[in-house]
Amino acid sequence: MKIPKLVPLADLIHHHALISILIIFPNITLADTTPEISKDGSNVYMPDFSYAGYHFGEKEIVTEADTTYINITDFDAFPNDNKDDTKAILSALNFAHSVKGHVTVSFPKGRFIIKDILRISRSNITISGKGMGTQGTQLYFPMPLSIIDKTPLLDELRNYLRLHNKKQHDAEIYIDDYFSEYSWSGGVIWIQKEGTRPVPYLEELDEQLPKLATITEGKRGTKALKVSDASKISVGDVLRIDWHNKNGKQAGIIKSIYGDTDLMIGSHHFDFPNRPLVMQPTQVKSVSGNMIEIADPLLHDINKDIPAHLSSWEHLEEVGIEGISIQFPTGDTYGHHVEQGFNGIYLTSVFNGWIRNVSFSNADSALLTENSGNVTISNIRSDGTRFGHYGIHLGSVHNFLVEDVKISNPTVHTFSMNTKSTKSVFLRGEAFTQPSLDQHAGANHQNLYDNMIFHVEAVRDEEGPYYDLWFGGGAGYWQPGHGRYNTTWNAKIFVESGANSNETVRILGKTEGPDARVIGMYGNRKLAVEHYPSPHIADINSKVAIPSLYEYQKQKRLEK
C-alpha cells in the first residue's frame, strides 16, 4: 500500500488543511506513517489524540436501558433530615454489588451526611444523583480519609513512605512528618477492582501479569501488531501492551520516550526492569493468523530494540459517577504532602468509565486517577477555600478525556499529567486561582492541553512580569518533566493583575521535557513563551483557527 506524504504542521496550522496527521488506514499495515521532526522543521510529528475518552470517543454515554435502579430511600437514607446516612447508604451500595447486570444507585435531591467511604469494586454500576447544583444531590463528608479509612488498601504506600523516609520538612509551619498517603491516593468515593494495586511501590509485592503474547513487530502510530502466538487472544479482549526497560540507560524505549535529549534521565526509568515503563491498555479489533489489530494507535515502535508484549489486565468496565456534589467542611490545609485526605473521587483499574456533572467543595484533591484507560470526565466544578493539592490528577492512565472543568479554588497542581500517563486530553478547562499545567515527570508523554483558559496574577522580576504556567512537580528520580510530544494548543491567558497593558508577560515552563509543542497562545496581554527545553512553537499572540485539536482530529477520523 502506498503511504501518503504527511503535510507539514506549519501548513496544517496556517492553511487550515486537515489535521488527520496519523492517517487511519482501511487495511492493517506496519508502514511508518509518523516521521520525526526534520532539521529544517518542515515536518513535526503530532500524535492523534482523538481516541481519548469513553470507548475511544466513539460511543455516547447513555444509561443502560435494562439497568436496575436501587433507590437509597428504600434503605432509609433520607435527605435534609440532618441525620447520619452512612449505614443506610452503605447498605444500598452493598446490595447493588449483588445485583446482576447493570445497576444504578439513585440518590434524590437534597443533602446526605456520610462518614465512611463509598466503594465500588465491580463493573456495570453507576452512582447517580439529581445534579451538582444547589437543587441537586449533595453528599457531605465531614471527616477526612485519615479518620474514616480503616482498610489496608494503602498499607503498601504507607510502608513505602516510611521505608524510604519520605518526609515533608517545613520549619516555618512546624511540619516534620511523613508524607500523607492521601496526598495523591484515596477518595471518599473509591473505585477499585478487588485485589488490584493502584500503583506498585514495594518490589517484594511485585507480581508479573500473565503474558499473553510477545509482540515481534509494530509501528508507532499504526494499529497493527505482529505477535509470536495469537492463540490466547480473541476479538473484543481488553488487554495491555507493556514496554519494559531491561537495557538500562541506553534502552530503545528511553530514546523513544525522550528522543536525543541531553536532559538527565531519572533512575526510576531503569531501576525497575520488571515493571513496565509504558503501559497502553487497549482492545482487540481483529485477529488474523499472527496479526492483531488494536483499537488505538501504538504509542511506540515495537522491535528487537524496543521490545513489548501483551499482558492480561484486571479491570472494571462501565462504571460511572454522575449528578452529585461532594462537599467537605471548610478548613485550612496543614501543608504540602501532609493533607488529611479530604479527597473526592479516586478512580483506579477502570476501562470505559465516566464521571460527569460532579462538583467538589473544599477538597484537598477533587479527583485522583490511576491504572485506567478510556475514561471521560466532563462538566466538573471545584471550589472552596481550602488550598488543594491536585485539582484533576491523571496518573498511570491512557486515553483519558477531561472536558469542561472549572477549578476556582487554589491548588498546587491544577491540571496534572502525572506518572506514566499517555494520550490523555484536558479540553476546555478553565482555572481561576494560581492555575498550573502540571507535567509531573514519571515518563508522562504524548498528552494534550487543548483550548484551555487561565486567569493569572503575574509576578515580577528584574526582566518584568511573568507567570509560571507549566509548573511541574515530580521527584528527581522521575525527571524530566515529561516525554516527547506533550502539546499545549490554543491556550488563552487572562492576566488579572501584575502587568501593565503595554507590557509583555513571559509564560514560563522552567523544568519541562523534550519535543513539546506549544501552538496558539493568546490573551489580554502580549505574551512570550519561555519553556525549557525549547519546544516547537507556533502562533504565539494569535489563536489557531481550529479551536480544538482533539475535536478536529476526532471529527476527521470518524468521518473516515
Protein backbone atom coordinates (compact mmCIF):
# COMPACT_ATOMS: atom_id res chain seq x y z
CA MET A 1 0.00 0.00 0.00
CA LYS A 2 1.37 3.43 -0.90
CA ILE A 3 1.85 5.69 2.09
CA PRO A 4 0.69 9.27 1.50
CA LYS A 5 3.08 12.05 2.37
CA LEU A 6 2.30 13.93 5.56
CA VAL A 7 1.51 17.62 5.43
CA PRO A 8 3.94 19.74 7.49
CA LEU A 9 2.45 21.02 10.72
CA ALA A 10 3.05 24.62 9.74
CA ASP A 11 0.88 24.12 6.65
CA LEU A 12 -1.81 22.48 8.74
CA ILE A 13 -1.97 25.49 11.01
CA HIS A 14 -1.67 28.32 8.55
CA HIS A 15 -3.58 26.86 5.60
CA HIS A 16 -6.19 25.01 7.66
CA ALA A 17 -5.52 21.72 5.94
CA LEU A 18 -6.75 18.52 7.51
CA ILE A 19 -5.09 17.66 10.80
CA SER A 20 -5.55 13.95 10.36
CA ILE A 21 -1.81 13.62 10.88
CA LEU A 22 -1.99 10.00 11.88
CA ILE A 23 -3.79 8.60 8.89
CA ILE A 24 -6.36 5.90 9.59
CA PHE A 25 -5.82 3.10 7.09
CA PRO A 26 -8.61 0.75 5.99
CA ASN A 27 -6.22 -2.21 6.00
CA ILE A 28 -3.71 -3.39 8.56
CA THR A 29 -0.19 -2.19 7.76
CA LEU A 30 3.11 -1.92 9.54
CA ALA A 31 4.28 1.02 7.44
CA ASP A 32 5.65 4.02 9.34
CA THR A 33 3.33 6.99 8.80
CA THR A 34 4.76 9.20 11.53
CA PRO A 35 8.07 10.90 10.66
CA GLU A 36 10.15 12.74 13.21
CA ILE A 37 10.77 16.46 13.09
CA SER A 38 13.19 17.26 10.28
CA LYS A 39 16.21 19.51 10.75
CA ASP A 40 14.54 22.38 8.91
CA GLY A 41 11.33 21.99 10.92
CA SER A 42 9.20 21.22 7.87
CA ASN A 43 7.68 18.06 9.38
CA VAL A 44 6.64 17.97 13.03
CA TYR A 45 5.15 14.79 14.41
CA MET A 46 1.83 15.29 16.18
CA PRO A 47 0.11 12.35 17.88
CA ASP A 48 -3.51 11.53 17.14
CA PHE A 49 -5.23 12.42 20.41
CA SER A 50 -8.73 11.66 19.13
CA TYR A 51 -9.01 8.23 20.79
CA ALA A 52 -9.22 9.73 24.28
CA GLY A 53 -12.40 9.13 26.22
CA TYR A 54 -15.11 6.56 26.79
CA HIS A 55 -14.97 3.80 24.17
CA PHE A 56 -12.22 5.65 22.28
CA GLY A 57 -14.53 8.62 21.77
CA GLU A 58 -16.78 6.54 19.52
CA LYS A 59 -19.76 5.90 21.81
CA GLU A 60 -22.11 8.18 23.73
CA ILE A 61 -22.51 7.73 27.47
CA VAL A 62 -26.11 6.63 27.98
CA THR A 63 -27.95 4.95 30.83
CA GLU A 64 -28.36 1.27 30.09
CA ALA A 65 -31.96 0.53 29.11
CA ASP A 66 -32.05 -2.58 31.28
CA THR A 67 -30.34 -1.09 34.35
CA THR A 68 -31.73 -1.98 37.77
CA TYR A 69 -32.39 1.10 39.90
CA ILE A 70 -31.55 0.97 43.60
CA ASN A 71 -33.10 3.91 45.45
CA ILE A 72 -31.28 4.73 48.65
CA THR A 73 -34.53 5.93 50.24
CA ASP A 74 -35.65 2.29 50.22
CA PHE A 75 -32.80 1.68 52.67
CA ASP A 76 -33.92 4.54 54.94
CA ALA A 77 -31.50 7.21 53.78
CA PHE A 78 -33.48 10.45 53.59
CA PRO A 79 -32.23 13.87 52.56
CA ASN A 80 -32.19 17.03 54.62
CA ASP A 81 -33.01 15.40 57.97
CA ASN A 82 -29.59 16.26 59.47
CA LYS A 83 -29.08 12.60 60.43
CA ASP A 84 -26.11 10.35 59.70
CA ASP A 85 -26.97 8.49 56.48
CA THR A 86 -23.83 6.34 56.37
CA LYS A 87 -25.21 2.92 57.29
CA ALA A 88 -28.23 3.21 55.04
CA ILE A 89 -26.21 4.33 52.02
CA LEU A 90 -23.61 1.61 52.56
CA SER A 91 -26.41 -0.96 52.76
CA ALA A 92 -27.82 0.24 49.45
CA LEU A 93 -24.38 0.19 47.82
CA ASN A 94 -23.57 -3.28 49.16
CA PHE A 95 -26.90 -4.58 47.85
CA ALA A 96 -26.19 -3.03 44.47
CA HIS A 97 -22.97 -5.05 44.26
CA SER A 98 -25.02 -8.25 44.49
CA VAL A 99 -27.42 -7.40 41.64
CA LYS A 100 -26.74 -8.96 38.25
CA GLY A 101 -26.44 -6.79 35.17
CA HIS A 102 -26.03 -3.04 35.17
CA VAL A 103 -27.23 -1.33 38.34
CA THR A 104 -27.78 2.34 39.16
CA VAL A 105 -27.66 3.53 42.77
CA SER A 106 -30.02 6.50 42.68
CA PHE A 107 -29.96 9.48 45.06
CA PRO A 108 -32.81 12.00 45.29
CA LYS A 109 -32.11 15.70 45.56
CA GLY A 110 -31.09 17.03 48.92
CA ARG A 111 -28.25 16.73 51.43
CA PHE A 112 -26.89 13.50 52.88
CA ILE A 113 -24.31 13.13 55.69
CA ILE A 114 -21.77 10.34 55.15
CA LYS A 115 -18.94 9.27 57.48
CA ASP A 116 -17.41 6.40 55.55
CA ILE A 117 -16.02 5.62 52.11
CA LEU A 118 -18.39 4.69 49.28
CA ARG A 119 -16.58 1.87 47.49
CA ILE A 120 -17.20 0.43 44.03
CA SER A 121 -15.42 -2.84 43.27
CA ARG A 122 -17.45 -4.32 40.39
CA SER A 123 -18.26 -3.48 36.79
CA ASN A 124 -21.57 -2.16 35.45
CA ILE A 125 -22.51 0.18 38.27
CA THR A 126 -23.47 3.85 38.34
CA ILE A 127 -23.91 6.25 41.25
CA SER A 128 -26.41 8.83 40.05
CA GLY A 129 -27.85 11.93 41.70
CA LYS A 130 -30.15 14.72 40.61
CA GLY A 131 -27.46 17.21 39.72
CA MET A 132 -24.46 19.00 41.16
CA GLY A 133 -26.18 22.34 41.78
CA THR A 134 -27.99 23.69 44.82
CA GLN A 135 -31.20 21.90 43.81
CA GLY A 136 -29.38 18.63 43.17
CA THR A 137 -27.79 15.95 45.35
CA GLN A 138 -25.23 16.95 47.98
CA LEU A 139 -23.06 14.32 49.68
CA TYR A 140 -21.46 15.90 52.76
CA PHE A 141 -18.38 14.19 54.18
CA PRO A 142 -17.43 15.86 57.49
CA MET A 143 -14.41 13.63 58.16
CA PRO A 144 -11.19 13.13 56.14
CA LEU A 145 -9.78 9.82 54.96
CA SER A 146 -7.15 9.94 57.71
CA ILE A 147 -10.02 9.21 60.12
CA ILE A 148 -12.53 7.14 58.13
CA ASP A 149 -10.22 4.92 56.05
CA LYS A 150 -9.90 1.71 58.08
CA THR A 151 -8.85 -0.62 55.26
CA PRO A 152 -5.38 -1.95 54.37
CA LEU A 153 -5.63 -0.88 50.71
CA LEU A 154 -2.96 1.80 51.11
CA ASP A 155 -0.72 -0.13 53.51
CA GLU A 156 1.81 -0.72 50.74
CA LEU A 157 2.11 3.03 50.20
CA ARG A 158 2.29 3.71 53.93
CA ASN A 159 5.10 1.20 54.34
CA TYR A 160 6.92 2.61 51.31
CA LEU A 161 6.84 6.14 52.69
CA ARG A 162 8.36 5.03 55.97
CA LEU A 163 10.86 2.62 54.47
CA HIS A 164 12.26 5.39 52.28
CA ASN A 165 11.85 8.11 54.92
CA LYS A 166 9.64 10.22 52.68
CA LYS A 167 9.08 13.28 54.84
CA GLN A 168 7.87 16.83 54.46
CA HIS A 169 10.17 19.31 56.21
CA ASP A 170 8.90 22.86 56.64
CA ALA A 171 10.19 24.52 59.79
CA GLU A 172 8.29 27.74 59.15
CA ILE A 173 4.96 25.99 59.66
CA TYR A 174 6.25 23.42 62.19
CA ILE A 175 5.98 20.40 59.89
CA ASP A 176 8.41 17.50 60.04
CA ASP A 177 6.39 14.42 59.25
CA TYR A 178 6.00 11.56 56.80
CA PHE A 179 4.16 12.27 53.58
CA SER A 180 0.46 11.54 53.81
CA GLU A 181 -0.72 8.53 51.81
CA TYR A 182 -3.71 10.71 50.92
CA SER A 183 -1.62 13.36 49.15
CA TRP A 184 -2.19 11.52 45.86
CA SER A 185 -4.28 8.45 46.74
CA GLY A 186 -7.73 7.61 48.06
CA GLY A 187 -11.15 9.24 47.90
CA VAL A 188 -14.48 9.29 49.70
CA ILE A 189 -15.84 7.65 46.54
CA TRP A 190 -13.29 4.90 45.83
CA ILE A 191 -13.42 2.83 42.65
CA GLN A 192 -11.03 -0.13 42.54
CA LYS A 193 -11.25 -3.74 41.40
CA GLU A 194 -10.75 -6.03 44.34
CA GLY A 195 -7.25 -7.46 44.56
CA THR A 196 -5.57 -4.86 42.32
CA ARG A 197 -2.75 -2.46 43.21
CA PRO A 198 -3.34 1.10 42.03
CA VAL A 199 0.42 1.74 41.91
CA PRO A 200 3.31 -0.64 42.67
CA TYR A 201 5.59 0.72 45.39
CA LEU A 202 7.28 -2.21 47.16
CA GLU A 203 9.28 -4.54 44.90
CA GLU A 204 8.70 -7.55 47.14
CA LEU A 205 4.98 -7.32 46.31
CA ASP A 206 5.51 -7.21 42.53
CA GLU A 207 3.87 -9.96 40.51
CA GLN A 208 4.20 -10.19 36.76
CA LEU A 209 0.91 -10.02 34.89
CA PRO A 210 0.25 -13.11 32.78
CA LYS A 211 1.93 -12.65 29.40
CA LEU A 212 -0.46 -13.39 26.53
CA ALA A 213 1.99 -12.99 23.64
CA THR A 214 5.30 -11.47 22.68
CA ILE A 215 4.95 -8.70 20.10
CA THR A 216 7.54 -9.08 17.38
CA GLU A 217 6.71 -6.05 15.25
CA GLY A 218 4.69 -2.86 15.46
CA LYS A 219 4.97 0.73 14.27
CA ARG A 220 4.18 3.81 16.30
CA GLY A 221 1.00 5.44 15.03
CA THR A 222 -0.42 2.28 13.46
CA LYS A 223 -2.84 -0.23 14.94
CA ALA A 224 -1.29 -3.47 13.69
CA LEU A 225 0.76 -5.88 15.78
CA LYS A 226 2.61 -8.97 14.74
CA VAL A 227 2.80 -11.46 17.62
CA SER A 228 4.61 -14.71 18.27
CA ASP A 229 1.41 -16.61 19.02
CA ALA A 230 -2.16 -15.28 18.94
CA SER A 231 -3.82 -18.40 20.37
CA LYS A 232 -4.62 -16.70 23.71
CA ILE A 233 -6.10 -13.57 22.12
CA SER A 234 -9.67 -13.03 20.90
CA VAL A 235 -11.61 -10.20 19.30
CA GLY A 236 -13.01 -7.90 21.97
CA ASP A 237 -10.35 -8.68 24.57
CA VAL A 238 -9.26 -5.77 26.74
CA LEU A 239 -5.56 -6.19 27.41
CA ARG A 240 -2.44 -4.14 27.93
CA ILE A 241 0.67 -3.52 25.86
CA ASP A 242 3.69 -3.33 28.18
CA TRP A 243 7.05 -1.85 27.23
CA HIS A 244 9.73 -2.78 29.80
CA ASN A 245 13.19 -1.31 30.06
CA LYS A 246 15.61 -4.17 30.63
CA ASN A 247 18.52 -2.48 28.88
CA GLY A 248 19.36 0.37 31.23
CA LYS A 249 20.07 4.00 30.42
CA GLN A 250 20.58 3.44 26.69
CA ALA A 251 17.43 1.39 26.11
CA GLY A 252 15.41 1.91 22.95
CA ILE A 253 12.26 2.73 24.91
CA ILE A 254 14.10 5.55 26.72
CA LYS A 255 15.07 7.06 23.38
CA SER A 256 11.54 6.61 22.07
CA ILE A 257 10.08 8.46 25.07
CA TYR A 258 12.65 11.26 25.23
CA GLY A 259 14.49 11.34 21.90
CA ASP A 260 18.07 12.57 21.62
CA THR A 261 17.97 14.75 24.70
CA ASP A 262 20.81 15.94 26.90
CA LEU A 263 18.50 16.04 29.91
CA MET A 264 19.27 13.80 32.84
CA ILE A 265 17.00 10.73 32.85
CA GLY A 266 15.98 9.78 36.38
CA SER A 267 16.90 6.40 37.85
CA HIS A 268 13.34 5.07 38.07
CA HIS A 269 13.41 4.73 34.28
CA PHE A 270 15.90 1.87 34.54
CA ASP A 271 15.97 0.66 38.18
CA PHE A 272 12.81 -1.46 37.85
CA PRO A 273 13.23 -3.68 34.78
CA ASN A 274 10.38 -5.98 35.84
CA ARG A 275 7.87 -3.14 35.90
CA PRO A 276 6.52 -1.75 32.62
CA LEU A 277 7.78 1.74 31.86
CA VAL A 278 4.98 2.38 29.35
CA MET A 279 1.52 0.82 29.50
CA GLN A 280 -1.16 1.02 26.83
CA PRO A 281 -4.49 -0.58 27.73
CA THR A 282 -6.43 -1.26 24.55
CA GLN A 283 -8.96 -3.57 22.91
CA VAL A 284 -8.54 -6.18 20.19
CA LYS A 285 -10.45 -5.37 16.99
CA SER A 286 -9.38 -8.30 14.80
CA VAL A 287 -7.13 -11.35 14.77
CA SER A 288 -5.78 -12.89 11.57
CA GLY A 289 -3.08 -15.52 11.98
CA ASN A 290 -0.33 -13.83 13.97
CA MET A 291 -1.55 -10.31 13.09
CA ILE A 292 -3.67 -8.37 15.57
CA GLU A 293 -5.46 -5.07 15.06
CA ILE A 294 -5.98 -2.95 18.16
CA ALA A 295 -8.42 -0.11 18.70
CA ASP A 296 -5.99 2.81 19.06
CA PRO A 297 -2.57 3.65 17.60
CA LEU A 298 0.61 2.34 19.17
CA LEU A 299 2.48 4.74 21.42
CA HIS A 300 5.88 3.40 20.31
CA ASP A 301 7.58 1.15 17.82
CA ILE A 302 7.99 -2.48 18.82
CA ASN A 303 11.02 -4.40 17.59
CA LYS A 304 14.15 -6.09 18.91
CA ASP A 305 15.47 -2.77 20.24
CA ILE A 306 12.13 -1.71 21.74
CA PRO A 307 10.55 -4.96 22.97
CA ALA A 308 6.97 -5.23 24.23
CA HIS A 309 4.38 -7.87 24.99
CA LEU A 310 0.66 -8.25 25.57
CA SER A 311 -0.43 -8.72 29.18
CA SER A 312 -3.74 -9.60 30.74
CA TRP A 313 -5.10 -6.72 32.81
CA GLU A 314 -7.52 -6.85 35.74
CA HIS A 315 -10.03 -4.03 35.45
CA LEU A 316 -13.62 -2.85 35.81
CA GLU A 317 -15.84 -1.67 32.93
CA GLU A 318 -18.87 0.60 32.58
CA VAL A 319 -18.53 2.39 35.93
CA GLY A 320 -19.99 5.87 36.24
CA ILE A 321 -20.44 8.69 38.76
CA GLU A 322 -22.85 11.47 37.81
CA GLY A 323 -25.07 14.26 39.02
CA ILE A 324 -23.75 14.83 42.55
CA SER A 325 -21.95 17.43 44.65
CA ILE A 326 -19.24 16.19 47.03
CA GLN A 327 -18.81 18.63 49.89
CA PHE A 328 -16.24 18.88 52.68
CA PRO A 329 -16.10 21.26 55.65
CA THR A 330 -14.16 24.48 55.35
CA GLY A 331 -10.72 24.49 56.92
CA ASP A 332 -7.03 25.01 56.45
CA THR A 333 -4.54 22.77 54.74
CA TYR A 334 -1.69 21.98 57.10
CA GLY A 335 0.89 21.82 54.35
CA HIS A 336 2.07 20.27 51.10
CA HIS A 337 2.21 16.43 51.24
CA VAL A 338 0.59 16.25 54.68
CA GLU A 339 -3.02 16.57 53.51
CA GLN A 340 -5.61 14.91 55.76
CA GLY A 341 -7.48 13.32 52.89
CA PHE A 342 -10.49 15.45 52.01
CA ASN A 343 -10.32 13.79 48.58
CA GLY A 344 -13.32 13.44 46.31
CA ILE A 345 -13.20 10.57 43.81
CA TYR A 346 -10.41 8.00 43.50
CA LEU A 347 -10.73 6.01 40.27
CA THR A 348 -8.44 3.08 39.55
CA SER A 349 -8.48 -0.07 37.39
CA VAL A 350 -11.30 1.16 35.11
CA PHE A 351 -11.65 0.79 31.35
CA ASN A 352 -14.55 2.59 29.64
CA GLY A 353 -15.98 4.60 32.51
CA TRP A 354 -17.17 8.14 33.17
CA ILE A 355 -17.52 10.89 35.75
CA ARG A 356 -19.81 13.72 34.73
CA ASN A 357 -21.79 16.61 36.18
CA VAL A 358 -20.00 16.48 39.53
CA SER A 359 -18.89 19.34 41.77
CA PHE A 360 -16.45 19.41 44.67
CA SER A 361 -16.20 21.90 47.50
CA ASN A 362 -13.20 22.32 49.86
CA ALA A 363 -11.36 19.26 48.56
CA ASP A 364 -7.69 18.50 49.16
CA SER A 365 -7.82 16.80 45.76
CA ALA A 366 -11.04 16.75 43.77
CA LEU A 367 -10.33 13.79 41.52
CA LEU A 368 -7.42 11.30 41.55
CA THR A 369 -6.92 8.52 38.99
CA GLU A 370 -4.56 5.59 38.47
CA ASN A 371 -4.13 2.47 36.34
CA SER A 372 -7.05 3.08 33.97
CA GLY A 373 -7.92 3.74 30.35
CA ASN A 374 -10.57 5.37 28.16
CA VAL A 375 -12.50 7.33 30.76
CA THR A 376 -14.43 10.53 30.08
CA ILE A 377 -14.56 13.14 32.85
CA SER A 378 -16.87 16.01 31.92
CA ASN A 379 -18.58 19.07 33.38
CA ILE A 380 -16.69 19.21 36.66
CA ARG A 381 -16.56 22.11 39.13
CA SER A 382 -14.24 22.59 42.09
CA ASP A 383 -14.41 25.48 44.54
CA GLY A 384 -13.86 26.34 48.18
CA THR A 385 -11.32 27.98 50.47
CA ARG A 386 -9.07 25.01 51.23
CA PHE A 387 -5.70 25.14 49.45
CA GLY A 388 -5.83 21.90 47.46
CA HIS A 389 -3.06 19.58 46.33
CA TYR A 390 -4.48 18.37 43.00
CA GLY A 391 -7.41 19.63 41.00
CA ILE A 392 -7.63 16.82 38.45
CA HIS A 393 -4.84 14.22 38.62
CA LEU A 394 -4.19 11.75 35.79
CA GLY A 395 -1.69 9.13 36.96
CA SER A 396 -0.73 5.97 35.03
CA VAL A 397 -3.72 6.36 32.73
CA HIS A 398 -4.17 6.19 28.96
CA ASN A 399 -6.71 7.87 26.68
CA PHE A 400 -8.44 9.96 29.37
CA LEU A 401 -10.62 12.86 28.21
CA VAL A 402 -11.20 15.61 30.80
CA GLU A 403 -13.52 18.24 29.33
CA ASP A 404 -15.30 21.36 30.57
CA VAL A 405 -13.71 21.53 34.01
CA LYS A 406 -13.69 24.74 36.04
CA ILE A 407 -11.43 24.95 39.09
CA SER A 408 -11.70 28.10 41.18
CA ASN A 409 -10.05 27.00 44.43
CA PRO A 410 -6.25 27.32 44.76
CA THR A 411 -4.25 24.15 44.11
CA VAL A 412 -0.59 23.18 43.93
CA HIS A 413 -1.24 21.18 40.74
CA THR A 414 -4.40 22.20 38.90
CA PHE A 415 -4.41 20.07 35.75
CA SER A 416 -1.92 17.24 36.26
CA MET A 417 -0.47 14.82 33.73
CA ASN A 418 1.21 12.51 36.19
CA THR A 419 3.44 9.43 36.20
CA LYS A 420 3.23 7.22 33.08
CA SER A 421 0.13 8.97 31.69
CA THR A 422 -0.22 8.89 27.92
CA LYS A 423 -2.50 10.17 25.15
CA SER A 424 -4.72 11.99 27.65
CA VAL A 425 -6.50 15.27 26.97
CA PHE A 426 -7.62 18.24 29.04
CA LEU A 427 -10.17 20.05 26.85
CA ARG A 428 -11.78 23.45 27.51
CA GLY A 429 -10.64 23.54 31.13
CA GLU A 430 -10.64 26.83 33.00
CA ALA A 431 -8.81 27.74 36.20
CA PHE A 432 -9.09 30.92 38.24
CA THR A 433 -6.64 30.83 41.18
CA GLN A 434 -2.94 30.06 40.74
CA PRO A 435 -3.58 27.72 37.78
CA SER A 436 -0.89 25.31 36.65
CA LEU A 437 -0.31 22.83 33.87
CA ASP A 438 1.49 20.18 35.87
CA GLN A 439 3.53 17.76 33.78
CA HIS A 440 4.60 15.74 36.79
CA ALA A 441 7.55 13.77 35.44
CA GLY A 442 7.41 9.96 35.53
CA ALA A 443 7.58 9.32 31.77
CA ASN A 444 4.26 11.01 31.02
CA HIS A 445 4.25 11.74 27.30
CA GLN A 446 2.04 12.35 24.25
CA ASN A 447 -0.56 14.30 26.26
CA LEU A 448 -2.61 17.34 25.25
CA TYR A 449 -3.82 20.57 26.89
CA ASP A 450 -6.43 21.76 24.42
CA ASN A 451 -8.32 25.08 24.20
CA MET A 452 -7.77 25.95 27.89
CA ILE A 453 -8.35 29.24 29.76
CA PHE A 454 -6.23 30.52 32.65
CA HIS A 455 -6.75 33.52 34.91
CA VAL A 456 -3.36 34.51 36.29
CA GLU A 457 -1.76 37.05 38.58
CA ALA A 458 1.59 38.00 37.07
CA VAL A 459 4.62 38.48 39.30
CA ARG A 460 7.74 40.47 38.54
CA ASP A 461 11.47 40.05 38.46
CA GLU A 462 14.24 42.20 37.02
CA GLU A 463 13.10 41.28 33.49
CA GLY A 464 9.48 42.25 34.02
CA PRO A 465 6.18 40.42 34.57
CA TYR A 466 5.90 36.67 34.23
CA TYR A 467 3.75 33.69 35.19
CA ASP A 468 4.96 30.11 35.70
CA LEU A 469 2.16 28.24 33.94
CA TRP A 470 3.85 24.88 33.28
CA PHE A 471 4.56 24.47 36.98
CA GLY A 472 5.55 20.85 37.23
CA GLY A 473 6.46 18.55 40.06
CA GLY A 474 7.83 15.07 40.47
CA ALA A 475 10.84 13.57 42.21
CA GLY A 476 14.29 13.74 40.65
CA TYR A 477 14.34 10.01 40.02
CA TRP A 478 11.42 10.51 37.59
CA GLN A 479 12.70 13.60 35.75
CA PRO A 480 12.48 15.09 33.10
CA GLY A 481 9.12 16.78 33.48
CA HIS A 482 7.65 14.93 30.51
CA GLY A 483 8.49 12.94 27.41
CA ARG A 484 8.07 13.84 23.78
CA TYR A 485 5.04 15.39 22.09
CA ASN A 486 3.20 16.83 25.09
CA THR A 487 1.18 19.59 23.44
CA THR A 488 -0.45 22.84 24.52
CA TRP A 489 -2.93 24.01 21.88
CA ASN A 490 -4.79 27.35 21.87
CA ALA A 491 -4.27 28.45 25.48
CA LYS A 492 -5.97 31.69 26.47
CA ILE A 493 -4.29 33.72 29.22
CA PHE A 494 -6.17 36.41 31.15
CA VAL A 495 -3.65 38.46 33.14
CA GLU A 496 -5.77 39.79 36.00
CA SER A 497 -3.02 41.88 37.61
CA GLY A 498 0.73 42.37 37.84
CA ALA A 499 1.35 43.72 34.34
CA ASN A 500 0.56 46.98 32.62
CA SER A 501 -1.48 46.83 29.46
CA ASN A 502 1.53 47.59 27.27
CA GLU A 503 3.86 45.03 28.88
CA THR A 504 4.81 41.62 27.59
CA VAL A 505 4.16 38.80 30.08
CA ARG A 506 6.51 35.85 29.97
CA ILE A 507 4.79 32.47 30.31
CA LEU A 508 7.25 30.07 31.88
CA GLY A 509 7.90 26.35 31.86
CA LYS A 510 11.26 26.10 33.60
CA THR A 511 11.78 22.35 34.04
CA GLU A 512 9.75 20.52 31.42
CA GLY A 513 10.77 17.95 28.82
CA PRO A 514 11.91 17.50 25.22
CA ASP A 515 9.97 17.99 22.00
CA ALA A 516 6.96 19.76 23.46
CA ARG A 517 4.54 21.57 21.16
CA VAL A 518 3.13 24.99 22.10
CA ILE A 519 0.78 26.06 19.35
CA GLY A 520 -1.55 29.00 19.77
CA MET A 521 -1.33 31.13 22.93
CA TYR A 522 -3.06 34.47 23.30
CA GLY A 523 -4.81 36.67 25.82
CA ASN A 524 -5.29 40.21 27.10
CA ARG A 525 -1.56 40.97 27.13
CA LYS A 526 1.25 40.36 24.70
CA LEU A 527 2.83 37.05 25.66
CA ALA A 528 6.25 35.45 25.27
CA VAL A 529 6.89 31.75 25.93
CA GLU A 530 9.98 30.73 27.89
CA HIS A 531 9.87 26.94 28.00
CA TYR A 532 12.85 24.73 28.77
CA PRO A 533 13.81 22.73 26.82
CA SER A 534 12.71 24.74 23.80
CA PRO A 535 9.51 23.35 22.27
CA HIS A 536 8.15 23.61 18.75
CA ILE A 537 6.32 26.96 18.97
CA ALA A 538 3.81 28.48 16.58
CA ASP A 539 1.18 31.23 16.69
CA ILE A 540 2.06 32.95 19.94
CA ASN A 541 -0.20 36.00 20.42
CA SER A 542 -2.70 34.57 17.97
CA LYS A 543 -5.39 31.93 18.07
CA VAL A 544 -5.17 28.92 15.79
CA ALA A 545 -8.24 28.84 13.57
CA ILE A 546 -9.00 25.28 14.65
CA PRO A 547 -10.10 25.80 18.28
CA SER A 548 -9.65 22.21 19.45
CA LEU A 549 -7.06 19.81 18.08
CA TYR A 550 -8.77 16.85 19.78
CA GLU A 551 -12.20 17.60 18.32
CA TYR A 552 -10.82 18.27 14.87
CA GLN A 553 -8.82 15.05 14.80
CA LYS A 554 -11.82 13.12 16.11
CA GLN A 555 -14.16 14.61 13.51
CA LYS A 556 -11.84 13.71 10.66
CA ARG A 557 -11.18 10.22 12.00
CA LEU A 558 -14.86 9.37 12.45
CA GLU A 559 -15.70 10.76 9.01
CA LYS A 560 -13.47 8.06 7.56
